Amino acid sequence: MEQLLEILEELHPEVDFESCETLIDDKILDSFDIISIISEVNDVFDVTISAEYIIPDNFNSAKALYALIEKLEDEE
């Protein structure tokens, strides 16, 4: 989780990613941020987030995104 928080904080250091659960709903993250996150997650965690997982629910909070990463790690 720590590595994911570092990735997110590089994009938006002003956001408290540990408590925010409306990153997409409140338009904190935009499409360019999502692409950057997907790329970084791929590099750091060695998982591929395919198109089927690119939905708001998976990116609305760091916890949701980390749960997705863990799920993808388990599938590999």
C-alpha atoms as a PDB file:
ATOM      1  CA  MET A   1       0.000   0.000   0.000  1.00  0.00           C
ATOM      2  CA  GLU A   2       2.886   2.346   0.796  1.00  0.00           C
ATOM      3  CA  GLN A   3       4.196   2.158  -2.777  1.00  0.00           C
ATOM      4  CA  LEU A   4       0.740   2.929  -4.154  1.00  0.00           C
ATOM      5  CA  LEU A   5       0.377   5.950  -1.883  1.00  0.00           C
ATOM      6  CA  GLU A   6       3.747   7.224  -3.126  1.00  0.00           C
ATOM      7  CA  ILE A   7       2.566   6.913  -6.739  1.00  0.00           C
ATOM      8  CA  LEU A   8      -0.644   8.796  -5.971  1.00  0.00           C
ATOM      9  CA  GLU A   9       1.063  11.491  -3.893  1.00  0.00           C
ATOM     10  CA  GLU A  10       3.467  12.224  -6.750  1.00  0.00           C
ATOM     11  CA  LEU A  11       0.442  13.142  -8.888  1.00  0.00           C
ATOM     12  CA  HIS A  12      -1.430  15.163  -6.243  1.00  0.00           C
ATOM     13  CA  PRO A  13       0.600  15.874  -3.096  1.00  0.00           C
ATOM     14  CA  GLU A  14      -2.235  18.016  -1.713  1.00  0.00           C
ATOM     15  CA  VAL A  15      -4.687  15.083  -1.453  1.00  0.00           C
ATOM     16  CA  ASP A  16      -5.050  12.796   1.578  1.00  0.00           C
ATOM     17  CA  PHE A  17      -5.238   9.520  -0.317  1.00  0.00           C
ATOM     18  CA  GLU A  18      -5.509   7.441   2.845  1.00  0.00           C
ATOM     19  CA  SER A  19      -8.928   8.856   3.703  1.00  0.00           C
ATOM     20  CA  CYS A  20     -10.360  10.170   0.420  1.00  0.00           C
ATOM     21  CA  GLU A  21     -12.907   7.821  -1.151  1.00  0.00           C
ATOM     22  CA  THR A  22     -14.232  10.093  -3.901  1.00  0.00           C
ATOM     23  CA  LEU A  23     -11.195  10.562  -6.126  1.00  0.00           C
ATOM     24  CA  ILE A  24     -13.203  10.069  -9.321  1.00  0.00           C
ATOM     25  CA  ASP A  25     -16.562  11.386  -8.089  1.00  0.00           C
ATOM     26  CA  ASP A  26     -14.993  14.673  -6.973  1.00  0.00           C
ATOM     27  CA  LYS A  27     -12.860  14.884 -10.135  1.00  0.00           C
ATOM     28  CA  ILE A  28      -9.603  14.811  -8.170  1.00  0.00           C
ATOM     29  CA  LEU A  29      -8.220  12.286 -10.652  1.00  0.00           C
ATOM     30  CA  ASP A  30      -8.711  12.851 -14.368  1.00  0.00           C
ATOM     31  CA  SER A  31      -8.146  10.556 -17.334  1.00  0.00           C
ATOM     32  CA  PHE A  32      -4.471  11.543 -17.640  1.00  0.00           C
ATOM     33  CA  ASP A  33      -3.948  10.710 -13.968  1.00  0.00           C
ATOM     34  CA  ILE A  34      -5.582   7.312 -14.479  1.00  0.00           C
ATOM     35  CA  ILE A  35      -3.246   6.530 -17.380  1.00  0.00           C
ATOM     36  CA  SER A  36      -0.235   7.578 -15.289  1.00  0.00           C
ATOM     37  CA  ILE A  37      -1.408   5.455 -12.362  1.00  0.00           C
ATOM     38  CA  ILE A  38      -1.952   2.414 -14.586  1.00  0.00           C
ATOM     39  CA  SER A  39       1.533   2.772 -16.038  1.00  0.00           C
ATOM     40  CA  GLU A  40       3.194   3.207 -12.640  1.00  0.00           C
ATOM     41  CA  VAL A  41       1.229   0.312 -11.106  1.00  0.00           C
ATOM     42  CA  ASN A  42       2.310  -1.874 -14.014  1.00  0.00           C
ATOM     43  CA  ASP A  43       5.960  -0.976 -13.404  1.00  0.00           C
ATOM     44  CA  VAL A  44       5.958  -1.151  -9.597  1.00  0.00           C
ATOM     45  CA  PHE A  45       3.600  -4.076  -8.967  1.00  0.00           C
ATOM     46  CA  ASP A  46       4.131  -5.956 -12.255  1.00  0.00           C
ATOM     47  CA  VAL A  47       0.394  -6.274 -12.914  1.00  0.00           C
ATOM     48  CA  THR A  48      -1.610  -5.200 -15.932  1.00  0.00           C
ATOM     49  CA  ILE A  49      -4.851  -3.322 -15.355  1.00  0.00           C
ATOM     50  CA  SER A  50      -6.925  -4.273 -18.387  1.00  0.00           C
ATOM     51  CA  ALA A  51      -9.761  -2.155 -19.792  1.00  0.00           C
ATOM     52  CA  GLU A  52     -12.434  -4.156 -17.986  1.00  0.00           C
ATOM     53  CA  TYR A  53     -11.045  -2.927 -14.631  1.00  0.00           C
ATOM     54  CA  ILE A  54     -10.828   0.739 -15.593  1.00  0.00           C
ATOM     55  CA  ILE A  55     -14.059   1.747 -13.883  1.00  0.00           C
ATOM     56  CA  PRO A  56     -14.684   4.531 -11.346  1.00  0.00           C
ATOM     57  CA  ASP A  57     -15.228   2.125  -8.446  1.00  0.00           C
ATOM     58  CA  ASN A  58     -11.665   0.809  -8.788  1.00  0.00           C
ATOM     59  CA  PHE A  59     -10.112   4.288  -8.788  1.00  0.00           C
ATOM     60  CA  ASN A  60     -12.319   6.191  -6.301  1.00  0.00           C
ATOM     61  CA  SER A  61      -9.951   5.470  -3.399  1.00  0.00           C
ATOM     62  CA  ALA A  62      -6.457   4.195  -2.741  1.00  0.00           C
ATOM     63  CA  LYS A  63      -8.004   1.274  -0.842  1.00  0.00           C
ATOM     64  CA  ALA A  64     -10.116   0.250  -3.844  1.00  0.00           C
ATOM     65  CA  LEU A  65      -7.158   0.540  -6.185  1.00  0.00           C
ATOM     66  CA  TYR A  66      -4.962  -1.485  -3.837  1.00  0.00           C
ATOM     67  CA  ALA A  67      -7.649  -4.165  -3.598  1.00  0.00           C
ATOM     68  CA  LEU A  68      -7.645  -4.344  -7.397  1.00  0.00           C
ATOM     69  CA  ILE A  69      -3.843  -4.668  -7.456  1.00  0.00           C
ATOM     70  CA  GLU A  70      -3.994  -7.508  -4.909  1.00  0.00           C
ATOM     71  CA  LYS A  71      -6.690  -9.255  -6.953  1.00  0.00           C
ATOM     72  CA  LEU A  72      -4.586  -8.978 -10.114  1.00  0.00           C
ATOM     73  CA  GLU A  73      -1.491 -10.240  -8.293  1.00  0.00           C
ATOM     74  CA  ASP A  74      -3.444 -13.275  -7.106  1.00  0.00           C
ATOM     75  CA  GLU A  75      -4.609 -14.027 -10.649  1.00  0.00           C
ATOM     76  CA  GLU A  76      -1.087 -14.166 -12.069  1.00  0.00           C
END
